[in-house]
Protein backbone atom coordinates (compact mmCIF):
# COMPACT_ATOMS: atom_id res chain seq x y z
CA UNK A 1 32.77 0.48 8.57
CA UNK A 2 32.32 -2.99 10.24
CA UNK A 3 30.46 -6.17 9.44
CA UNK A 4 28.32 -5.09 12.48
CA UNK A 5 27.82 -1.29 11.41
CA UNK A 6 26.57 -2.66 8.20
CA UNK A 7 23.86 -4.64 9.86
CA UNK A 8 22.71 -1.71 11.71
CA UNK A 9 22.54 0.26 8.58
CA UNK A 10 20.43 -2.19 6.88
CA UNK A 11 17.97 -2.74 9.29
CA UNK A 12 17.54 1.14 9.80
CA UNK A 13 17.02 1.22 6.23
CA UNK A 14 14.55 -1.08 6.25
CA UNK A 15 12.71 0.39 8.88
CA UNK A 16 12.29 3.48 7.04
CA UNK A 17 9.34 2.34 5.06
CA UNK A 18 6.22 3.79 6.42
CA UNK A 19 3.66 1.35 6.79
CA UNK A 20 0.29 0.72 7.59
CA UNK A 21 -0.64 -0.73 11.18
CA UNK A 22 -3.24 -3.20 11.40
CA UNK A 23 -4.84 -5.96 13.70
CA UNK A 24 -5.21 -9.42 12.41
CA UNK A 25 -7.99 -11.18 14.14
CA UNK A 26 -8.78 -14.84 13.82
CA UNK A 27 -11.85 -17.03 15.49
CA UNK A 28 -11.42 -20.32 16.13
CA UNK A 29 -13.57 -22.90 17.59
CA UNK A 30 -15.21 -20.56 20.52
CA UNK A 31 -11.90 -18.43 20.98
CA UNK A 32 -11.00 -15.20 19.24
CA UNK A 33 -7.08 -14.21 18.88
CA UNK A 34 -5.39 -10.75 17.86
CA UNK A 35 -2.24 -9.38 16.89
CA UNK A 36 -0.69 -6.28 15.78
CA UNK A 37 1.33 -5.80 12.45
CA UNK A 38 2.82 -3.63 10.49
CA UNK A 39 3.39 -5.70 7.91
CA UNK A 40 0.06 -5.68 5.71
CA UNK A 41 0.23 -5.33 1.46
CA UNK A 42 -2.20 -5.67 -1.48
CA UNK A 43 -0.29 -8.41 -3.53
CA UNK A 44 -2.92 -9.11 -6.59
CA UNK A 45 -6.03 -6.58 -8.18
CA UNK A 46 -7.23 -10.18 -9.57
CA UNK A 47 -7.89 -12.46 -7.51
CA UNK A 48 -8.04 -9.75 -4.85
CA UNK A 49 -5.18 -10.76 -2.69
CA UNK A 50 -3.40 -9.25 0.73
CA UNK A 51 -0.15 -10.34 2.13
CA UNK A 52 0.62 -10.17 5.91
CA UNK A 53 4.11 -11.32 7.83
CA UNK A 54 4.03 -13.17 11.25
CA UNK A 55 6.43 -14.33 13.28
CA UNK A 56 7.14 -18.12 12.83
CA UNK A 57 5.57 -20.22 14.96
CA UNK A 58 3.14 -17.40 16.46
CA UNK A 59 -0.31 -19.25 18.42
CA UNK A 60 -2.15 -16.52 15.63
CA UNK A 61 -0.63 -18.06 12.50
CA UNK A 62 -1.21 -21.45 13.73
CA UNK A 63 -4.94 -20.75 14.77
CA UNK A 64 -5.29 -18.89 10.94
CA UNK A 65 -3.78 -22.22 9.38
CA UNK A 66 -6.06 -24.45 10.90
CA UNK A 67 -9.07 -22.13 10.36
CA UNK A 68 -7.90 -20.77 7.02
CA UNK A 69 -9.90 -17.22 7.45
CA UNK A 70 -8.98 -14.42 9.53
CA UNK A 71 -10.06 -10.87 9.62
CA UNK A 72 -7.67 -7.57 9.00
CA UNK A 73 -8.41 -4.45 10.70
CA UNK A 74 -6.61 -1.50 9.73
CA UNK A 75 -6.23 1.09 12.43
CA UNK A 76 -7.12 4.42 12.50
CA UNK A 77 -5.20 7.59 15.20
CA UNK A 78 -7.60 6.92 17.32
CA UNK A 79 -6.93 3.13 17.68
CA UNK A 80 -3.39 3.73 18.68
CA UNK A 81 -3.40 2.22 22.13
CA UNK A 82 -4.62 -0.92 20.57
CA UNK A 83 -1.52 -1.33 18.35
CA UNK A 84 0.48 -1.67 21.70
CA UNK A 85 -2.28 -3.80 23.76
CA UNK A 86 -2.77 -6.63 20.83
CA UNK A 87 1.40 -6.48 20.49
CA UNK A 88 1.57 -7.13 24.33
CA UNK A 89 2.26 -10.96 25.06
CA UNK A 90 0.95 -10.24 28.59
CA UNK A 91 -2.73 -9.71 27.61
CA UNK A 92 -5.32 -12.01 28.53
CA UNK A 93 -5.70 -14.90 26.38
CA UNK A 94 -8.94 -15.81 24.02
CA UNK A 95 -11.52 -13.57 24.01
CA UNK A 96 -10.70 -11.54 26.62
CA UNK A 97 -8.33 -9.89 24.82
CA UNK A 98 -11.75 -8.27 23.19
CA UNK A 99 -13.68 -7.53 26.28
CA UNK A 100 -13.24 -3.53 26.80
CA UNK A 101 -13.77 -3.39 22.62
CA UNK A 102 -16.47 -2.55 20.30
CA UNK A 103 -16.35 -4.97 17.40
CA UNK A 104 -18.67 -7.35 15.48
CA UNK A 105 -17.98 -10.84 14.09
CA UNK A 106 -16.69 -10.76 10.50
CA UNK A 107 -19.99 -12.85 8.42
CA UNK A 108 -17.17 -14.82 6.63
CA UNK A 109 -14.54 -15.38 8.69
CA UNK A 110 -16.09 -15.10 12.20
CA UNK A 111 -13.20 -13.26 12.83
CA UNK A 112 -13.63 -10.06 15.16
CA UNK A 113 -14.11 -6.39 13.14
CA UNK A 114 -12.94 -3.93 15.48
CA UNK A 115 -14.89 -0.71 16.03
CA UNK A 116 -13.73 2.41 14.44
CA UNK A 117 -10.99 0.66 12.01
CA UNK A 118 -10.64 2.65 9.20
CA UNK A 119 -11.06 -0.92 7.01
CA UNK A 120 -12.08 -4.33 8.41
CA UNK A 121 -11.69 -6.90 5.87
CA UNK A 122 -12.37 -10.58 5.79
CA UNK A 123 -9.90 -12.96 4.35
CA UNK A 124 -9.33 -16.84 3.03
CA UNK A 125 -6.19 -17.72 3.51
CA UNK A 126 -4.74 -19.24 -0.12
CA UNK A 127 -0.71 -20.20 0.74
CA UNK A 128 1.47 -19.50 3.43
CA UNK A 129 5.19 -19.04 2.29
CA UNK A 130 8.08 -19.45 4.86
CA UNK A 131 10.00 -16.42 4.83
CA UNK A 132 13.10 -16.25 7.67
CA UNK A 133 11.64 -15.83 10.47
CA UNK A 134 7.97 -14.93 9.57
CA UNK A 135 5.35 -16.60 7.42
CA UNK A 136 3.83 -15.22 4.83
CA UNK A 137 -0.17 -15.29 4.92
CA UNK A 138 -1.44 -15.17 1.35
CA UNK A 139 -5.21 -14.19 1.67
CA UNK A 140 -8.12 -13.61 -0.57
CA UNK A 141 -10.53 -10.92 0.29
CA UNK A 142 -13.95 -11.74 0.39
CA UNK A 143 -15.47 -9.49 2.63
CA UNK A 144 -14.92 -6.02 3.94
CA UNK A 145 -15.75 -2.37 5.20
CA UNK A 146 -14.40 1.12 5.12
CA UNK A 147 -14.42 4.04 7.34
CA UNK A 148 -13.16 7.72 7.31
CA UNK A 149 -10.28 8.21 9.41
CA UNK A 150 -6.42 9.07 9.67
CA UNK A 151 -4.27 5.80 9.26
CA UNK A 152 -2.09 4.99 12.16
CA UNK A 153 1.80 4.55 10.77
CA UNK A 154 4.81 2.91 11.92
CA UNK A 155 7.70 4.31 10.73
CA UNK A 156 11.17 3.97 12.46
CA UNK A 157 9.97 1.66 14.96
CA UNK A 158 7.58 3.90 16.58
CA UNK A 159 3.94 4.97 15.70
CA UNK A 160 2.96 8.31 13.81
CA UNK A 161 -0.65 10.17 12.56
CA UNK A 162 -0.44 9.66 8.71
CA UNK A 163 -1.65 13.03 8.04
CA UNK A 164 -2.69 12.41 4.05
CA UNK A 165 -1.95 15.71 1.28
CA UNK A 166 -2.91 14.36 -2.02
CA UNK A 167 0.26 15.69 -4.51
CA UNK A 168 -0.70 16.72 -8.21
CA UNK A 169 0.41 13.80 -10.56
CA UNK A 170 3.50 14.60 -12.75
CA UNK A 171 2.62 13.71 -15.75
CA UNK A 172 6.09 14.03 -17.49
CA UNK A 173 9.37 12.04 -16.75
CA UNK A 174 11.90 13.75 -14.33
CA UNK A 175 14.13 14.28 -17.41
CA UNK A 176 11.31 16.00 -19.28
CA UNK A 177 10.44 18.37 -16.50
CA UNK A 178 13.70 19.59 -16.13
CA UNK A 179 14.44 20.86 -19.44
CA UNK A 180 10.76 22.82 -19.73
CA UNK A 181 11.24 24.46 -15.89
CA UNK A 182 12.68 27.78 -16.06
CA UNK A 183 16.42 28.55 -15.16
CA UNK A 184 16.86 29.97 -11.24
CA UNK A 185 20.04 31.89 -12.32
């Protein structure tokens, strides 16, 4: 196996993380911005913190660093076109990005909360951590709304419908289960 093969395999393995898809939004002065991300995660319960990754030097990250506030809109499968729209560098700039969307301003950040999202979260930026070719934004959750729906997922470089099914919780250790499982012989 060559170094190129190993590098390709490492990247393929990392793409096996199934993640939710969100549109981050920010309101700066009289301009709104949006950006699609598939790297948002809960970081802490107390205080309630989330983390989101953006490409280093992005216009969106610069706006968030200036305003110190932004919103996270967790997309449902019905909103899959928005994932592509807010990832397209050729889309209109500023408020025109939101022209054909129903949205309302978050009471805390002023950033657009996109209607139809599974959750919308108003955040206060607490830290920016440079991480390779991205910046990790750490933020405190200040406001939130939730709605029913099916999550839009990103897996192996593609968007997927996240049909979820609750699994029974196993209370035993896997080794203990093996000892009590009937033999199939």
